[in-house]
Amino acid sequence: MKKYLLKLTGLLAMSLTLAFASCEMKSDMEIPLAVDTEALTLGKEGGSTNFSIYSTSDWNVKLSKPVEWMSLSNLRGHGKGNVEISTPPNYGVVRRVDLIIIGGSDTLTVKLTQEGDRQGVPAAQGGVREQPRS
C-alpha cells in the first residue's frame, strides 16, 4: 500500500508540473501604444538620452516643428523600440519641441526641452532676443 501511495504521489506531482509548464498566460488587455516617459530634459552642455516605445503595430515619430538642433536615432519601428535623442551644446536660450509618436490610430507626445546658456524670450518673428538685465 505504501508503495502504491508513493507511485501515485509521484505521478500526481509529474502531472501538475507538466500542466503548469504547458500553461501559457494570455492577457486580454493589450496596450496599442505607450512610452516610458512624457517629458525629457537635456542639459545645456548637450549629449544624448533615450526613451522607449511600446506598440502592437507599426509606429513613427514626428516633430511638432522643424528643428536643426537635435537628431533622432530612428523615426519608425514596430513593437518595442528605443529612440535616442542627441543634441549639441546650447549657448542660446532654452529649446523645446514635442516628439509626436503615432501608432495605429493612437498618438502620444513626449515633450523635449534642452536647457540654454542664456536667459531669453522668443521674438515675435521667430528669432531670439535677450531679456534686458536689471
C-alpha atoms as a PDB file:
ATOM      1  CA  MET A   1       0.000   0.000   0.000  1.00  0.00           C
ATOM      2  CA  LYS A   2       2.834   2.386   0.885  1.00  0.00           C
ATOM      3  CA  LYS A   3       4.482   1.661  -2.478  1.00  0.00           C
ATOM      4  CA  TYR A   4       1.217   2.406  -4.269  1.00  0.00           C
ATOM      5  CA  LEU A   5       0.793   5.774  -2.489  1.00  0.00           C
ATOM      6  CA  LEU A   6       4.378   6.799  -3.333  1.00  0.00           C
ATOM      7  CA  LYS A   7       3.835   6.000  -7.009  1.00  0.00           C
ATOM      8  CA  LEU A   8       0.508   7.848  -7.007  1.00  0.00           C
ATOM      9  CA  THR A   9       2.075  10.912  -5.333  1.00  0.00           C
ATOM     10  CA  GLY A  10       4.957  10.902  -7.827  1.00  0.00           C
ATOM     11  CA  LEU A  11       2.570  10.580 -10.758  1.00  0.00           C
ATOM     12  CA  LEU A  12       0.421  13.421  -9.428  1.00  0.00           C
ATOM     13  CA  ALA A  13       3.475  15.666  -8.933  1.00  0.00           C
ATOM     14  CA  MET A  14       4.660  14.991 -12.509  1.00  0.00           C
ATOM     15  CA  SER A  15       1.189  15.676 -13.896  1.00  0.00           C
ATOM     16  CA  LEU A  16       0.935  19.004 -12.067  1.00  0.00           C
ATOM     17  CA  THR A  17       4.429  20.020 -13.198  1.00  0.00           C
ATOM     18  CA  LEU A  18       3.576  19.282 -16.835  1.00  0.00           C
ATOM     19  CA  ALA A  19       0.227  21.050 -16.537  1.00  0.00           C
ATOM     20  CA  PHE A  20       1.776  24.239 -15.178  1.00  0.00           C
ATOM     21  CA  ALA A  21       4.677  24.131 -17.626  1.00  0.00           C
ATOM     22  CA  SER A  22       2.351  23.916 -20.589  1.00  0.00           C
ATOM     23  CA  CYS A  23       0.045  26.708 -19.395  1.00  0.00           C
ATOM     24  CA  GLU A  24       0.526  29.988 -21.133  1.00  0.00           C
ATOM     25  CA  MET A  25      -0.885  33.091 -19.569  1.00  0.00           C
ATOM     26  CA  LYS A  26      -2.721  35.182 -22.086  1.00  0.00           C
ATOM     27  CA  SER A  27      -3.805  38.708 -21.455  1.00  0.00           C
ATOM     28  CA  ASP A  28      -6.961  40.215 -22.836  1.00  0.00           C
ATOM     29  CA  MET A  29      -5.501  43.673 -22.263  1.00  0.00           C
ATOM     30  CA  GLU A  30      -3.229  44.928 -24.982  1.00  0.00           C
ATOM     31  CA  ILE A  31      -1.989  48.482 -24.910  1.00  0.00           C
ATOM     32  CA  PRO A  32      -1.726  49.587 -28.539  1.00  0.00           C
ATOM     33  CA  LEU A  33       0.771  52.414 -27.851  1.00  0.00           C
ATOM     34  CA  ALA A  34       2.788  53.502 -24.811  1.00  0.00           C
ATOM     35  CA  VAL A  35       6.025  55.348 -23.981  1.00  0.00           C
ATOM     36  CA  ASP A  36       8.149  55.146 -20.849  1.00  0.00           C
ATOM     37  CA  THR A  37       8.212  58.925 -20.282  1.00  0.00           C
ATOM     38  CA  GLU A  38       6.160  62.015 -21.042  1.00  0.00           C
ATOM     39  CA  ALA A  39       8.988  64.565 -20.837  1.00  0.00           C
ATOM     40  CA  LEU A  40      12.768  64.658 -21.238  1.00  0.00           C
ATOM     41  CA  THR A  41      15.235  67.420 -20.369  1.00  0.00           C
ATOM     42  CA  LEU A  42      18.775  67.663 -21.671  1.00  0.00           C
ATOM     43  CA  GLY A  43      21.407  69.945 -20.180  1.00  0.00           C
ATOM     44  CA  LYS A  44      22.852  72.985 -21.939  1.00  0.00           C
ATOM     45  CA  GLU A  45      26.128  71.079 -22.453  1.00  0.00           C
ATOM     46  CA  GLY A  46      24.365  68.765 -24.920  1.00  0.00           C
ATOM     47  CA  GLY A  47      24.504  64.997 -25.012  1.00  0.00           C
ATOM     48  CA  SER A  48      22.042  62.217 -25.544  1.00  0.00           C
ATOM     49  CA  THR A  49      19.172  60.421 -23.868  1.00  0.00           C
ATOM     50  CA  ASN A  50      16.593  57.888 -24.997  1.00  0.00           C
ATOM     51  CA  PHE A  51      13.061  56.730 -24.460  1.00  0.00           C
ATOM     52  CA  SER A  52      11.212  53.511 -25.237  1.00  0.00           C
ATOM     53  CA  ILE A  53       8.117  52.995 -27.349  1.00  0.00           C
ATOM     54  CA  TYR A  54       5.809  50.002 -26.879  1.00  0.00           C
ATOM     55  CA  SER A  55       3.295  49.283 -29.620  1.00  0.00           C
ATOM     56  CA  THR A  56       1.221  46.439 -31.006  1.00  0.00           C
ATOM     57  CA  SER A  57       1.650  47.862 -34.500  1.00  0.00           C
ATOM     58  CA  ASP A  58       3.981  49.988 -36.605  1.00  0.00           C
ATOM     59  CA  TRP A  59       4.899  53.361 -35.093  1.00  0.00           C
ATOM     60  CA  ASN A  60       6.614  56.538 -36.245  1.00  0.00           C
ATOM     61  CA  VAL A  61       7.963  59.690 -34.625  1.00  0.00           C
ATOM     62  CA  LYS A  62       7.393  63.216 -35.931  1.00  0.00           C
ATOM     63  CA  LEU A  63       8.421  66.611 -34.587  1.00  0.00           C
ATOM     64  CA  SER A  64       5.893  69.327 -33.743  1.00  0.00           C
ATOM     65  CA  LYS A  65       8.066  71.770 -35.746  1.00  0.00           C
ATOM     66  CA  PRO A  66      11.240  71.525 -37.812  1.00  0.00           C
ATOM     67  CA  VAL A  67      14.401  71.925 -35.727  1.00  0.00           C
ATOM     68  CA  GLU A  68      18.085  71.717 -36.586  1.00  0.00           C
ATOM     69  CA  TRP A  69      19.431  71.393 -33.043  1.00  0.00           C
ATOM     70  CA  MET A  70      18.679  67.730 -32.396  1.00  0.00           C
ATOM     71  CA  SER A  71      18.781  64.336 -34.059  1.00  0.00           C
ATOM     72  CA  LEU A  72      16.829  61.129 -33.532  1.00  0.00           C
ATOM     73  CA  SER A  73      18.307  57.657 -33.976  1.00  0.00           C
ATOM     74  CA  ASN A  74      15.206  56.268 -35.692  1.00  0.00           C
ATOM     75  CA  LEU A  75      11.852  57.598 -36.770  1.00  0.00           C
ATOM     76  CA  ARG A  76       9.907  54.360 -37.222  1.00  0.00           C
ATOM     77  CA  GLY A  77       9.624  50.845 -35.953  1.00  0.00           C
ATOM     78  CA  HIS A  78       7.326  48.003 -34.955  1.00  0.00           C
ATOM     79  CA  GLY A  79       6.584  46.680 -31.489  1.00  0.00           C
ATOM     80  CA  LYS A  80       9.097  47.715 -28.830  1.00  0.00           C
ATOM     81  CA  GLY A  81      11.781  50.191 -29.834  1.00  0.00           C
ATOM     82  CA  ASN A  82      14.174  52.754 -28.414  1.00  0.00           C
ATOM     83  CA  VAL A  83      14.738  56.235 -29.785  1.00  0.00           C
ATOM     84  CA  GLU A  84      17.965  58.047 -28.931  1.00  0.00           C
ATOM     85  CA  ILE A  85      17.929  61.845 -28.939  1.00  0.00           C
ATOM     86  CA  SER A  86      21.205  63.755 -29.392  1.00  0.00           C
ATOM     87  CA  THR A  87      21.797  67.487 -29.027  1.00  0.00           C
ATOM     88  CA  PRO A  88      24.878  69.713 -29.314  1.00  0.00           C
ATOM     89  CA  PRO A  89      25.702  72.285 -26.607  1.00  0.00           C
ATOM     90  CA  ASN A  90      23.159  75.108 -26.376  1.00  0.00           C
ATOM     91  CA  TYR A  91      24.762  78.528 -25.925  1.00  0.00           C
ATOM     92  CA  GLY A  92      21.421  80.265 -26.520  1.00  0.00           C
ATOM     93  CA  VAL A  93      18.014  80.179 -24.854  1.00  0.00           C
ATOM     94  CA  VAL A  94      16.032  77.132 -23.766  1.00  0.00           C
ATOM     95  CA  ARG A  95      14.877  74.977 -26.693  1.00  0.00           C
ATOM     96  CA  ARG A  96      11.632  72.997 -26.803  1.00  0.00           C
ATOM     97  CA  VAL A  97       9.966  70.620 -29.233  1.00  0.00           C
ATOM     98  CA  ASP A  98       7.307  67.926 -28.955  1.00  0.00           C
ATOM     99  CA  LEU A  99       8.003  64.424 -30.240  1.00  0.00           C
ATOM    100  CA  ILE A 100       4.743  63.051 -31.611  1.00  0.00           C
ATOM    101  CA  ILE A 101       4.529  59.256 -31.609  1.00  0.00           C
ATOM    102  CA  ILE A 102       1.877  57.698 -33.836  1.00  0.00           C
ATOM    103  CA  GLY A 103       0.992  54.014 -33.615  1.00  0.00           C
ATOM    104  CA  GLY A 104      -2.107  52.744 -35.399  1.00  0.00           C
ATOM    105  CA  SER A 105      -4.882  55.173 -34.550  1.00  0.00           C
ATOM    106  CA  ASP A 106      -3.224  56.319 -31.296  1.00  0.00           C
ATOM    107  CA  THR A 107      -0.995  59.360 -30.739  1.00  0.00           C
ATOM    108  CA  LEU A 108       1.232  60.234 -27.777  1.00  0.00           C
ATOM    109  CA  THR A 109       3.514  63.196 -27.104  1.00  0.00           C
ATOM    110  CA  VAL A 110       6.902  63.367 -25.400  1.00  0.00           C
ATOM    111  CA  LYS A 111       7.987  66.907 -24.515  1.00  0.00           C
ATOM    112  CA  LEU A 112      11.695  67.553 -25.080  1.00  0.00           C
ATOM    113  CA  THR A 113      13.497  70.502 -23.501  1.00  0.00           C
ATOM    114  CA  GLN A 114      17.151  71.470 -23.777  1.00  0.00           C
ATOM    115  CA  GLU A 115      18.384  73.933 -21.200  1.00  0.00           C
ATOM    116  CA  GLY A 116      20.160  77.026 -22.508  1.00  0.00           C
ATOM    117  CA  ASP A 117      23.193  79.059 -21.556  1.00  0.00           C
ATOM    118  CA  ARG A 118      21.350  82.412 -21.756  1.00  0.00           C
ATOM    119  CA  GLN A 119      18.014  83.667 -20.488  1.00  0.00           C
ATOM    120  CA  GLY A 120      15.862  84.959 -23.295  1.00  0.00           C
ATOM    121  CA  VAL A 121      12.419  85.113 -24.816  1.00  0.00           C
ATOM    122  CA  PRO A 122      11.477  84.188 -28.379  1.00  0.00           C
ATOM    123  CA  ALA A 123      10.994  87.223 -30.600  1.00  0.00           C
ATOM    124  CA  ALA A 124       7.706  87.641 -32.469  1.00  0.00           C
ATOM    125  CA  GLN A 125       9.299  86.858 -35.837  1.00  0.00           C
ATOM    126  CA  GLY A 126      10.854  83.569 -34.775  1.00  0.00           C
ATOM    127  CA  GLY A 127      14.223  84.982 -33.729  1.00  0.00           C
ATOM    128  CA  VAL A 128      15.564  85.232 -30.232  1.00  0.00           C
ATOM    129  CA  ARG A 129      16.240  88.343 -28.209  1.00  0.00           C
ATOM    130  CA  GLU A 130      17.921  88.573 -24.868  1.00  0.00           C
ATOM    131  CA  GLN A 131      15.908  89.776 -21.885  1.00  0.00           C
ATOM    132  CA  PRO A 132      17.035  93.130 -20.507  1.00  0.00           C
ATOM    133  CA  ARG A 133      19.197  92.842 -17.402  1.00  0.00           C
ATOM    134  CA  SER A 134      18.462  94.885 -14.304  1.00  0.00           C
END
